[in-house]
Amino acid sequence: MAKRIVGVDIGNDAIRAVEVLDPAGTRPTIERFHEVPLPEGAARSGDVLEVHTVSASLKRLWSEGGFKSKSVALGMGNQRVLARDLTVPRMPLARIRESLPFQVQEMLPVPVADALLDFYPVSEAEGENGPVINGLLVAAIKDAVMANVNAVELAGLAPVEVDLIPFALTRVHVRGEHSQGTTALIDIGATTTNVVIATNGIPQFVRIIPAGGDDITTALVQRLDMAHDIAEQVKRRLGIITAGAAPEHRPAIEVIYESTGQLLNGLRNTLNYYMSSREQPVTRIVITGGGAQLRGFVHALGDMTQIPTQLADPASDPRMTVAMGLAMGSAA
């Protein structure tokens, strides 16, 4: 019997869920999608802050959305999660995971006891002392993960997987004919930007940057004394395109340009670091997320990096991508 999994994406202002039938099959099928609003302050950057509020919203989501499965795949992808290169002696994956607490303390910002650890194998090689496995250490703050898990369980659901959101995005946007070569997938959210670099569809490198589209809105509010909703409208209308801008718009454009420039520089430095450490060129950049819609951003990043840059496939619904990728990965 085909399995059903529901990927759940907990955002700042909404919870979105996608039910996928046969996620491990050659043609996983999206059966249903639904979202419900989330009260302000209940969650931020994917972290559940008010467990009972989020649990109640999940119950409403299941009731309104008509989801048939209670098996849930959750995602983590903010500044409380890190992914770093790690090379270990070749051994079964279960043994690698058991050994992580004894190997990675120096790489963590918190004690090992306060973190949940995982290892994502990428490739095998021959090291100085024998065969090794190159991969990614994934570490998350335990309390943050457990708050999300608790909210799901209180809603009467069964969490079967907690996955890295950059991996989920890769499954959606870097697959099939779009997986060839080395692609940098950049997801610009409200408060977090995820960068995942994949070669032939396999993630090689992940960075989670604590910056996003809300930083631009906040800069407009603070420096030009705008109301938040007005600042959001101005940001979306003007972007960073200066040609032909009316004189009265120039103060806002300058603020947007300066704030966006910090993110652009951070992304360029991240890509340069990857290419210098791997000696492997990135052949294209794909941008997704709400922040990707900022006018002029795609062109500016392409100019700055001199790498072909494009928006993600417009046929994919950006509201669904994280939840869909999480569901697809639960069967991997």
Protein backbone atom coordinates (compact mmCIF):
# COMPACT_ATOMS: atom_id res chain seq x y z
CA MET A 1 0.00 0.00 0.00
CA ALA A 2 1.32 3.47 -0.90
CA LYS A 3 2.33 5.60 2.04
CA ARG A 4 1.00 9.07 2.77
CA ILE A 5 3.09 11.73 4.48
CA VAL A 6 2.19 15.31 5.33
CA GLY A 7 4.99 17.87 5.19
CA VAL A 8 4.38 20.76 7.60
CA ASP A 9 5.97 24.18 7.18
CA ILE A 10 5.60 26.41 10.26
CA GLY A 11 6.11 30.04 9.27
CA ASN A 12 5.88 33.34 11.09
CA ASP A 13 2.29 34.03 10.11
CA ALA A 14 0.93 30.73 8.77
CA ILE A 15 1.23 26.95 8.87
CA ARG A 16 1.23 25.21 5.48
CA ALA A 17 0.88 21.50 4.86
CA VAL A 18 1.13 19.27 1.79
CA GLU A 19 0.00 15.64 1.77
CA VAL A 20 2.03 13.47 -0.61
CA LEU A 21 1.03 9.98 -1.69
CA ASP A 22 3.85 7.49 -2.27
CA PRO A 23 6.71 9.94 -1.52
CA ALA A 24 9.32 7.23 -2.15
CA GLY A 25 7.90 6.27 -5.55
CA THR A 26 9.01 7.39 -8.97
CA ARG A 27 6.01 9.72 -9.21
CA PRO A 28 5.02 11.07 -5.80
CA THR A 29 1.57 12.63 -5.95
CA ILE A 30 0.42 15.79 -4.19
CA GLU A 31 -3.01 14.96 -2.80
CA ARG A 32 -3.90 18.14 -0.96
CA PHE A 33 -2.56 21.46 0.27
CA HIS A 34 -3.94 23.78 2.90
CA GLU A 35 -2.76 26.63 5.10
CA VAL A 36 -4.10 28.42 8.14
CA PRO A 37 -3.02 31.74 9.65
CA LEU A 38 -0.91 31.71 12.79
CA PRO A 39 -1.39 34.31 15.55
CA GLU A 40 1.42 36.83 15.80
CA GLY A 41 4.22 35.68 18.10
CA ALA A 42 3.25 32.00 18.10
CA ALA A 43 6.27 31.07 15.97
CA ARG A 44 9.29 32.80 14.52
CA SER A 45 11.72 31.61 11.87
CA GLY A 46 10.27 28.12 12.14
CA ASP A 47 10.64 27.92 15.93
CA VAL A 48 7.45 27.28 17.89
CA LEU A 49 7.23 29.81 20.72
CA GLU A 50 3.69 29.11 21.93
CA VAL A 51 3.20 25.35 21.81
CA HIS A 52 -0.52 25.29 22.63
CA THR A 53 -1.36 28.03 20.14
CA VAL A 54 0.47 26.24 17.33
CA SER A 55 -1.10 22.93 18.35
CA ALA A 56 -4.57 24.46 18.09
CA SER A 57 -3.72 25.84 14.65
CA LEU A 58 -2.53 22.40 13.54
CA LYS A 59 -5.84 20.87 14.63
CA ARG A 60 -7.66 23.50 12.60
CA LEU A 61 -5.35 22.83 9.63
CA TRP A 62 -6.18 19.11 9.66
CA SER A 63 -9.90 19.75 10.09
CA GLU A 64 -10.16 22.29 7.28
CA GLY A 65 -7.64 20.65 4.95
CA GLY A 66 -9.08 17.14 5.12
CA PHE A 67 -5.68 15.46 5.48
CA LYS A 68 -5.96 11.67 5.69
CA SER A 69 -2.57 10.91 7.20
CA LYS A 70 -1.40 11.90 10.66
CA SER A 71 2.25 11.14 9.85
CA VAL A 72 4.13 14.45 9.76
CA ALA A 73 7.51 15.55 8.43
CA LEU A 74 8.80 18.75 10.04
CA GLY A 75 11.55 21.11 8.92
CA MET A 76 14.24 23.17 10.63
CA GLY A 77 16.20 25.90 8.91
CA ASN A 78 17.15 28.94 10.95
CA GLN A 79 20.05 30.30 12.99
CA ARG A 80 19.52 27.58 15.60
CA VAL A 81 20.59 24.97 13.07
CA LEU A 82 24.01 24.57 11.50
CA ALA A 83 25.43 22.38 8.76
CA ARG A 84 29.20 21.96 8.41
CA ASP A 85 31.56 19.81 6.38
CA LEU A 86 32.67 16.68 8.21
CA THR A 87 34.89 13.79 7.08
CA VAL A 88 34.81 10.55 9.06
CA PRO A 89 36.31 7.06 8.66
CA ARG A 90 34.13 4.87 6.47
CA MET A 91 31.70 2.84 8.57
CA PRO A 92 27.96 2.12 8.63
CA LEU A 93 25.81 5.25 8.89
CA ALA A 94 24.37 4.12 12.23
CA ARG A 95 27.86 3.94 13.73
CA ILE A 96 28.78 7.34 12.32
CA ARG A 97 25.75 8.87 14.01
CA GLU A 98 26.58 7.16 17.31
CA SER A 99 30.11 8.57 17.18
CA LEU A 100 29.15 12.19 16.45
CA PRO A 101 28.94 13.41 20.09
CA PHE A 102 32.59 12.40 20.59
CA GLN A 103 33.83 14.16 17.45
CA VAL A 104 32.05 17.45 16.96
CA GLN A 105 31.98 19.45 20.21
CA GLU A 106 34.49 21.97 18.84
CA MET A 107 32.18 22.65 15.90
CA LEU A 108 29.14 23.45 18.05
CA PRO A 109 28.11 26.73 19.71
CA VAL A 110 26.42 24.78 22.55
CA PRO A 111 27.27 21.68 24.62
CA VAL A 112 26.72 18.39 22.80
CA ALA A 113 24.02 17.48 25.33
CA ASP A 114 21.96 20.48 24.18
CA ALA A 115 22.07 19.57 20.49
CA LEU A 116 20.53 16.98 18.19
CA LEU A 117 23.09 15.66 15.71
CA ASP A 118 22.87 13.97 12.33
CA PHE A 119 25.20 13.15 9.46
CA TYR A 120 24.39 13.43 5.76
CA PRO A 121 26.85 11.41 3.61
CA VAL A 122 27.92 13.03 0.35
CA SER A 123 30.82 11.06 -1.13
CA GLU A 124 33.53 8.50 -0.37
CA ALA A 125 37.26 8.98 -0.76
CA GLU A 126 40.61 7.54 0.24
CA GLY A 127 42.15 9.34 3.24
CA GLU A 128 45.62 9.18 4.75
CA ASN A 129 44.56 6.39 7.10
CA GLY A 130 42.09 4.56 4.89
CA PRO A 131 38.65 5.02 3.32
CA VAL A 132 36.60 8.01 4.50
CA ILE A 133 33.13 9.43 3.99
CA ASN A 134 32.74 13.14 3.26
CA GLY A 135 29.48 14.64 4.38
CA LEU A 136 27.61 17.27 6.32
CA LEU A 137 27.19 17.46 10.06
CA VAL A 138 23.70 18.77 10.85
CA ALA A 139 23.18 20.06 14.39
CA ALA A 140 20.08 21.66 15.88
CA ILE A 141 19.34 23.12 19.30
CA LYS A 142 17.40 20.37 21.07
CA ASP A 143 14.89 22.67 22.80
CA ALA A 144 13.90 24.27 19.48
CA VAL A 145 13.27 20.92 17.81
CA MET A 146 11.35 19.53 20.77
CA ALA A 147 9.02 22.55 20.92
CA ASN A 148 7.98 21.86 17.33
CA VAL A 149 7.62 18.12 17.98
CA ASN A 150 5.55 18.77 21.12
CA ALA A 151 3.16 21.05 19.23
CA VAL A 152 2.60 18.35 16.61
CA GLU A 153 2.05 15.63 19.21
CA LEU A 154 -0.39 17.79 21.20
CA ALA A 155 -2.42 18.11 18.01
CA GLY A 156 -2.76 14.32 17.89
CA LEU A 157 -0.28 13.91 15.04
CA ALA A 158 2.79 11.69 14.72
CA PRO A 159 6.12 13.31 13.78
CA VAL A 160 8.08 10.79 11.71
CA GLU A 161 10.89 13.03 10.45
CA VAL A 162 12.63 16.30 11.30
CA ASP A 163 14.56 17.42 8.25
CA LEU A 164 16.72 20.32 7.14
CA ILE A 165 14.69 22.83 5.11
CA PRO A 166 17.53 23.43 2.58
CA PHE A 167 17.41 19.71 1.75
CA ALA A 168 13.64 19.93 1.29
CA LEU A 169 13.98 22.86 -1.10
CA THR A 170 16.59 21.00 -3.13
CA ARG A 171 14.20 18.08 -3.69
CA VAL A 172 11.71 20.46 -5.28
CA HIS A 173 13.92 22.86 -7.24
CA VAL A 174 17.05 20.85 -8.10
CA ARG A 175 15.77 17.66 -9.67
CA GLY A 176 15.43 15.98 -13.05
CA GLU A 177 16.86 17.99 -15.93
CA HIS A 178 17.52 20.90 -13.53
CA SER A 179 19.89 18.85 -11.37
CA GLN A 180 22.86 18.66 -13.75
CA GLY A 181 26.01 20.57 -12.80
CA THR A 182 26.47 22.56 -9.63
CA THR A 183 23.54 24.74 -8.57
CA ALA A 184 23.34 27.24 -5.73
CA LEU A 185 19.75 27.33 -4.48
CA ILE A 186 19.06 30.42 -2.39
CA ASP A 187 15.81 30.70 -0.44
CA ILE A 188 15.19 34.19 0.95
CA GLY A 189 12.61 34.14 3.71
CA ALA A 190 11.40 36.80 6.10
CA THR A 191 14.15 36.39 8.71
CA THR A 192 16.38 33.60 7.33
CA THR A 193 18.15 32.94 4.05
CA ASN A 194 19.05 29.34 3.23
CA VAL A 195 21.86 28.55 0.80
CA VAL A 196 22.34 25.00 -0.43
CA ILE A 197 24.79 24.07 -3.17
CA ALA A 198 24.09 20.79 -4.95
CA THR A 199 26.06 18.90 -7.59
CA ASN A 200 23.95 16.67 -9.82
CA GLY A 201 21.14 17.02 -7.32
CA ILE A 202 23.17 15.99 -4.24
CA PRO A 203 23.62 18.70 -1.56
CA GLN A 204 27.30 19.44 -0.93
CA PHE A 205 27.20 22.58 1.18
CA VAL A 206 24.64 24.38 3.36
CA ARG A 207 24.68 27.76 5.04
CA ILE A 208 21.84 29.34 7.00
CA ILE A 209 22.12 33.14 7.13
CA PRO A 210 20.14 35.02 9.82
CA ALA A 211 18.90 37.72 7.43
CA GLY A 212 15.94 38.10 5.12
CA GLY A 213 13.31 40.36 3.63
CA ASP A 214 12.08 41.66 7.00
CA ASP A 215 15.44 43.35 7.55
CA ILE A 216 14.68 45.70 4.65
CA THR A 217 11.22 46.51 6.00
CA THR A 218 12.65 47.14 9.47
CA ALA A 219 15.28 49.51 8.03
CA LEU A 220 12.56 51.56 6.31
CA VAL A 221 10.53 51.71 9.53
CA GLN A 222 13.47 52.82 11.64
CA ARG A 223 15.19 55.23 9.28
CA LEU A 224 12.23 56.84 7.51
CA ASP A 225 9.69 56.55 10.33
CA MET A 226 7.23 54.52 8.25
CA ALA A 227 4.46 52.31 9.54
CA HIS A 228 5.33 48.65 9.07
CA ASP A 229 2.61 47.89 6.52
CA ILE A 230 3.51 50.99 4.51
CA ALA A 231 7.20 50.05 4.59
CA GLU A 232 6.35 46.58 3.28
CA GLN A 233 4.36 48.08 0.40
CA VAL A 234 7.13 50.54 -0.45
CA LYS A 235 9.75 47.78 -0.45
CA ARG A 236 7.75 45.64 -2.84
CA ARG A 237 6.85 48.52 -5.15
CA LEU A 238 10.30 50.11 -5.47
CA GLY A 239 12.89 47.36 -5.01
CA ILE A 240 16.47 48.31 -5.88
CA ILE A 241 15.86 49.62 -9.38
CA THR A 242 17.05 53.23 -9.37
CA ALA A 243 16.60 54.08 -13.05
CA GLY A 244 13.69 56.43 -13.55
CA ALA A 245 12.89 56.69 -9.87
CA ALA A 246 11.02 59.81 -8.83
CA PRO A 247 12.97 62.16 -6.53
CA GLU A 248 10.57 61.61 -3.64
CA HIS A 249 11.28 57.87 -3.76
CA ARG A 250 15.07 58.15 -3.60
CA PRO A 251 15.37 58.16 0.24
CA ALA A 252 13.45 54.88 0.41
CA ILE A 253 15.40 53.35 -2.49
CA GLU A 254 18.68 54.26 -0.79
CA VAL A 255 17.60 52.49 2.42
CA ILE A 256 16.42 49.44 0.47
CA TYR A 257 19.63 49.40 -1.59
CA GLU A 258 21.87 49.62 1.47
CA SER A 259 20.03 46.93 3.41
CA THR A 260 19.84 44.63 0.39
CA GLY A 261 23.53 45.20 -0.29
CA GLN A 262 24.44 43.56 3.01
CA LEU A 263 22.58 40.39 2.04
CA LEU A 264 24.01 40.43 -1.49
CA ASN A 265 27.55 40.73 -0.13
CA GLY A 266 26.93 37.91 2.31
CA LEU A 267 25.67 35.67 -0.49
CA ARG A 268 28.61 36.50 -2.76
CA ASN A 269 31.07 35.76 0.05
CA THR A 270 29.34 32.45 0.80
CA LEU A 271 29.54 31.36 -2.84
CA ASN A 272 33.17 32.48 -3.12
CA TYR A 273 34.05 30.51 0.02
CA TYR A 274 32.48 27.38 -1.41
CA MET A 275 34.20 27.70 -4.76
CA SER A 276 37.59 28.44 -3.25
CA SER A 277 37.41 25.56 -0.79
CA ARG A 278 36.09 23.01 -3.30
CA GLU A 279 37.68 24.30 -6.50
CA GLN A 280 34.32 23.58 -8.07
CA PRO A 281 32.50 26.32 -9.99
CA VAL A 282 28.84 27.05 -9.41
CA THR A 283 27.21 26.95 -12.82
CA ARG A 284 23.93 28.62 -11.94
CA ILE A 285 22.03 30.29 -9.12
CA VAL A 286 18.32 29.68 -8.50
CA ILE A 287 16.50 32.04 -6.13
CA THR A 288 13.24 31.28 -4.35
CA GLY A 289 11.29 32.51 -1.32
CA GLY A 290 9.34 35.69 -0.68
CA GLY A 291 12.46 37.87 -0.67
CA ALA A 292 13.35 36.68 -4.16
CA GLN A 293 10.51 38.82 -5.52
CA LEU A 294 12.29 42.09 -4.65
CA ARG A 295 12.57 44.06 -7.89
CA GLY A 296 16.10 44.04 -9.24
CA PHE A 297 17.46 41.45 -6.80
CA VAL A 298 18.00 38.62 -9.29
CA HIS A 299 19.81 40.90 -11.73
CA ALA A 300 21.95 42.42 -8.95
CA LEU A 301 23.09 39.03 -7.64
CA GLY A 302 23.89 37.84 -11.16
CA ASP A 303 25.97 40.97 -11.81
CA MET A 304 27.77 40.69 -8.50
CA THR A 305 28.67 37.01 -8.85
CA GLN A 306 28.95 36.79 -12.64
CA ILE A 307 26.98 33.52 -12.43
CA PRO A 308 23.75 32.96 -14.42
CA THR A 309 20.95 33.72 -11.96
CA GLN A 310 17.24 33.02 -12.24
CA LEU A 311 14.07 32.77 -10.24
CA ALA A 312 12.82 29.29 -9.39
CA ASP A 313 10.30 27.69 -11.71
CA PRO A 314 7.31 30.05 -11.66
CA ALA A 315 5.01 27.03 -12.10
CA SER A 316 5.82 25.90 -8.55
CA ASP A 317 3.70 27.47 -5.82
CA PRO A 318 6.19 29.03 -3.37
CA ARG A 319 3.74 28.50 -0.51
CA MET A 320 3.95 24.74 -1.04
CA THR A 321 7.61 24.09 -1.76
CA VAL A 322 9.01 23.62 1.77
CA ALA A 323 6.15 21.39 2.93
CA MET A 324 6.24 19.38 -0.29
CA GLY A 325 10.01 18.84 -0.08
CA LEU A 326 9.72 17.75 3.55
CA ALA A 327 7.10 15.15 2.67
CA MET A 328 9.20 13.83 -0.22
CA GLY A 329 12.27 13.51 2.00
CA SER A 330 10.53 11.55 4.73
CA ALA A 331 10.81 8.45 2.62
CA ALA A 332 14.46 8.92 1.65
